Amino acid sequence: MPWTLPSRPSRRSLLAGAADAAGAALLTGCSDGGGPSGTDAGVSLERRMRETAVRDSERLLERYDATAAAHPALAARLAPLRSAVAAHAGALASADAPADRTASSAPPSPSTSSAAAGAPVAGAEPVPPKPEEALTALADAERSLAEARTVTLAGAPGELARLLASVAACGAVHAYLLTSPQGDKP
């Protein structure tokens, strides 16, 4: 019997691929050899990287909120993934960041959100009008951020690099779950 490729990658192969990419990024870290740029010389590299990562997570939370508001039927499916992204924002926040900067783990109710199907969120892409397309767009955002974090971790200090690798792997799993037929089952 001839061997055929599976139609979808397994969760284990996704995590292994993310780990391989993270390892490759660590081994091939590139630098121009120069020191830190003149911007915010008093602010540590780790703090700047953490602040950027938190902002990225907050933008992703806005996308989750806009998608849930535009497609209320998806809210329950998105809630655990959104909660994980909020936890990532909290974990990435530096110890000296103000407490109100980190995102809440509770999603806003669709009735209080101003987003509607196809309406843009401030500074974000519009939510597609069809639920399947909205899930694909959210998966693309998760995948893109996971890839960016995988690249970024090469220049991150040790503990932050490990955290970014974990969060990137989780983002890759979120992207899979958002587009997987098994992801829509409770």
Protein backbone atom coordinates (compact mmCIF):
# COMPACT_ATOMS: atom_id res chain seq x y z
CA MET A 1 0.00 0.00 0.00
CA PRO A 2 1.56 3.34 -1.02
CA TRP A 3 2.24 5.90 1.68
CA THR A 4 0.35 9.19 1.40
CA LEU A 5 0.92 12.46 3.17
CA PRO A 6 -1.60 13.40 5.84
CA SER A 7 -3.91 16.24 4.81
CA ARG A 8 -3.15 18.31 7.94
CA PRO A 9 -0.07 18.42 10.12
CA SER A 10 -0.37 16.97 13.58
CA ARG A 11 -0.14 19.17 16.65
CA ARG A 12 3.12 17.42 17.53
CA SER A 13 4.65 18.23 14.12
CA LEU A 14 3.56 21.89 14.45
CA LEU A 15 5.21 22.19 17.86
CA ALA A 16 8.31 20.37 16.65
CA GLY A 17 8.52 22.70 13.65
CA ALA A 18 8.19 25.76 15.88
CA ALA A 19 10.91 24.39 18.17
CA ASP A 20 13.16 23.67 15.18
CA ALA A 21 12.63 27.19 13.84
CA ALA A 22 13.37 28.67 17.26
CA GLY A 23 16.54 26.61 17.55
CA ALA A 24 17.66 27.58 14.06
CA ALA A 25 17.04 31.23 14.83
CA LEU A 26 19.15 30.95 17.98
CA LEU A 27 21.99 29.24 16.14
CA THR A 28 22.03 31.66 13.21
CA GLY A 29 21.49 34.91 15.12
CA CYS A 30 22.69 37.76 12.96
CA SER A 31 24.10 41.06 14.09
CA ASP A 32 25.74 43.98 12.40
CA GLY A 33 28.29 44.01 15.20
CA GLY A 34 27.27 47.47 16.36
CA GLY A 35 26.05 48.32 19.80
CA PRO A 36 22.62 49.60 20.62
CA SER A 37 21.29 52.41 18.50
CA GLY A 38 21.17 55.88 19.97
CA THR A 39 17.44 55.63 20.69
CA ASP A 40 16.58 55.20 24.35
CA ALA A 41 20.15 54.31 25.34
CA GLY A 42 19.02 54.33 28.98
CA VAL A 43 16.33 51.69 28.34
CA SER A 44 17.56 48.12 28.30
CA LEU A 45 17.22 45.95 25.22
CA GLU A 46 15.15 43.45 27.16
CA ARG A 47 12.69 46.10 28.33
CA ARG A 48 12.25 47.47 24.79
CA MET A 49 11.72 43.94 23.45
CA ARG A 50 9.17 43.20 26.18
CA GLU A 51 7.27 46.44 25.53
CA THR A 52 7.11 45.65 21.81
CA ALA A 53 5.95 42.10 22.51
CA VAL A 54 3.23 43.36 24.87
CA ARG A 55 2.02 45.88 22.26
CA ASP A 56 1.91 43.10 19.66
CA SER A 57 -0.14 40.92 22.01
CA GLU A 58 -2.49 43.82 22.75
CA ARG A 59 -3.06 44.35 19.01
CA LEU A 60 -3.81 40.65 18.65
CA LEU A 61 -6.28 40.91 21.54
CA GLU A 62 -8.00 43.76 19.69
CA ARG A 63 -8.33 41.46 16.65
CA TYR A 64 -9.87 38.73 18.80
CA ASP A 65 -12.29 41.25 20.32
CA ALA A 66 -13.27 42.68 16.93
CA THR A 67 -13.81 39.19 15.49
CA ALA A 68 -15.94 38.09 18.46
CA ALA A 69 -17.97 41.30 18.24
CA ALA A 70 -18.49 40.96 14.48
CA HIS A 71 -19.35 37.26 14.75
CA PRO A 72 -20.98 36.57 18.15
CA ALA A 73 -21.44 32.90 17.25
CA LEU A 74 -17.62 32.55 17.30
CA ALA A 75 -17.17 34.19 20.72
CA ALA A 76 -17.22 30.95 22.71
CA ARG A 77 -14.73 29.30 20.34
CA LEU A 78 -12.39 32.31 20.51
CA ALA A 79 -12.61 32.84 24.29
CA PRO A 80 -9.95 30.30 25.39
CA LEU A 81 -7.51 31.42 22.68
CA ARG A 82 -8.08 35.09 23.55
CA SER A 83 -7.54 34.27 27.22
CA ALA A 84 -4.20 32.66 26.37
CA VAL A 85 -3.13 35.73 24.37
CA ALA A 86 -4.05 37.94 27.36
CA ALA A 87 -1.93 35.68 29.59
CA HIS A 88 0.96 36.05 27.13
CA ALA A 89 0.67 39.84 27.34
CA GLY A 90 0.83 39.60 31.13
CA ALA A 91 3.82 37.26 31.07
CA LEU A 92 5.67 39.45 28.58
CA ALA A 93 5.04 42.65 30.54
CA SER A 94 8.14 43.70 32.41
CA ALA A 95 8.03 43.92 36.20
CA ASP A 96 8.15 47.72 36.15
CA ALA A 97 5.30 48.15 33.62
CA PRO A 98 2.12 49.79 34.92
CA ALA A 99 -0.51 47.24 35.90
CA ASP A 100 -3.17 48.81 33.68
CA ARG A 101 -1.06 48.33 30.54
CA THR A 102 -1.51 44.59 30.45
CA ALA A 103 -4.68 43.41 28.79
CA SER A 104 -7.60 41.99 30.70
CA SER A 105 -8.20 38.28 30.36
CA ALA A 106 -11.96 38.80 30.08
CA PRO A 107 -13.18 39.66 26.60
CA PRO A 108 -15.55 42.59 26.33
CA SER A 109 -19.15 41.74 25.62
CA PRO A 110 -20.15 42.06 21.97
CA SER A 111 -22.79 44.63 22.90
CA THR A 112 -20.17 47.03 24.31
CA SER A 113 -17.79 46.75 21.38
CA SER A 114 -18.00 49.17 18.48
CA ALA A 115 -16.76 46.64 15.93
CA ALA A 116 -19.24 45.26 13.44
CA ALA A 117 -18.88 42.80 10.59
CA GLY A 118 -16.48 44.32 8.12
CA ALA A 119 -15.88 47.41 10.28
CA PRO A 120 -12.26 48.25 11.01
CA VAL A 121 -10.84 48.36 14.51
CA ALA A 122 -8.63 51.36 15.25
CA GLY A 123 -5.31 50.64 13.55
CA ALA A 124 -6.32 47.12 12.50
CA GLU A 125 -7.55 45.24 9.49
CA PRO A 126 -11.32 45.04 8.99
CA VAL A 127 -13.01 41.85 10.16
CA PRO A 128 -14.15 39.82 7.14
CA PRO A 129 -17.93 39.48 6.87
CA LYS A 130 -17.97 35.66 6.68
CA PRO A 131 -17.12 33.71 9.86
CA GLU A 132 -14.78 31.29 8.02
CA GLU A 133 -12.86 34.20 6.49
CA ALA A 134 -12.72 35.94 9.87
CA LEU A 135 -11.19 32.82 11.45
CA THR A 136 -8.67 32.57 8.61
CA ALA A 137 -7.71 36.24 9.03
CA LEU A 138 -7.25 35.73 12.77
CA ALA A 139 -5.18 32.59 12.12
CA ASP A 140 -3.02 34.57 9.69
CA ALA A 141 -2.46 37.24 12.35
CA GLU A 142 -1.49 34.57 14.91
CA ARG A 143 0.83 32.87 12.41
CA SER A 144 2.47 36.14 11.38
CA LEU A 145 3.09 37.18 14.98
CA ALA A 146 4.45 33.71 15.85
CA GLU A 147 6.89 33.92 12.94
CA ALA A 148 7.97 37.45 13.92
CA ARG A 149 8.54 36.34 17.51
CA THR A 150 10.57 33.36 16.35
CA VAL A 151 12.86 35.69 14.41
CA THR A 152 13.05 38.19 17.29
CA LEU A 153 14.04 35.66 19.91
CA ALA A 154 17.47 35.28 18.30
CA GLY A 155 18.50 38.67 19.69
CA ALA A 156 16.69 38.36 23.02
CA PRO A 157 18.38 37.76 26.37
CA GLY A 158 18.14 34.15 27.61
CA GLU A 159 14.99 34.10 29.74
CA LEU A 160 13.07 36.40 27.39
CA ALA A 161 14.16 34.26 24.41
CA ARG A 162 12.70 31.18 26.09
CA LEU A 163 9.46 33.02 26.81
CA LEU A 164 9.21 34.33 23.24
CA ALA A 165 9.81 30.81 21.90
CA SER A 166 7.01 29.43 24.07
CA VAL A 167 4.61 32.20 23.08
CA ALA A 168 5.50 31.78 19.40
CA ALA A 169 4.85 28.03 19.60
CA CYS A 170 1.50 28.72 21.27
CA GLY A 171 0.64 31.21 18.50
CA ALA A 172 1.40 28.55 15.88
CA VAL A 173 -0.97 26.16 17.66
CA HIS A 174 -3.63 28.89 17.83
CA ALA A 175 -3.32 29.40 14.07
CA TYR A 176 -3.82 25.67 13.55
CA LEU A 177 -6.81 25.50 15.90
CA LEU A 178 -8.46 28.50 14.26
CA THR A 179 -8.43 26.82 10.85
CA SER A 180 -8.85 23.22 11.96
CA PRO A 181 -12.24 21.53 11.68
CA GLN A 182 -11.58 20.05 15.15
CA GLY A 183 -11.17 23.58 16.53
CA ASP A 184 -14.87 24.31 16.18
CA LYS A 185 -15.88 21.46 18.50
CA PRO A 186 -16.32 22.29 22.20
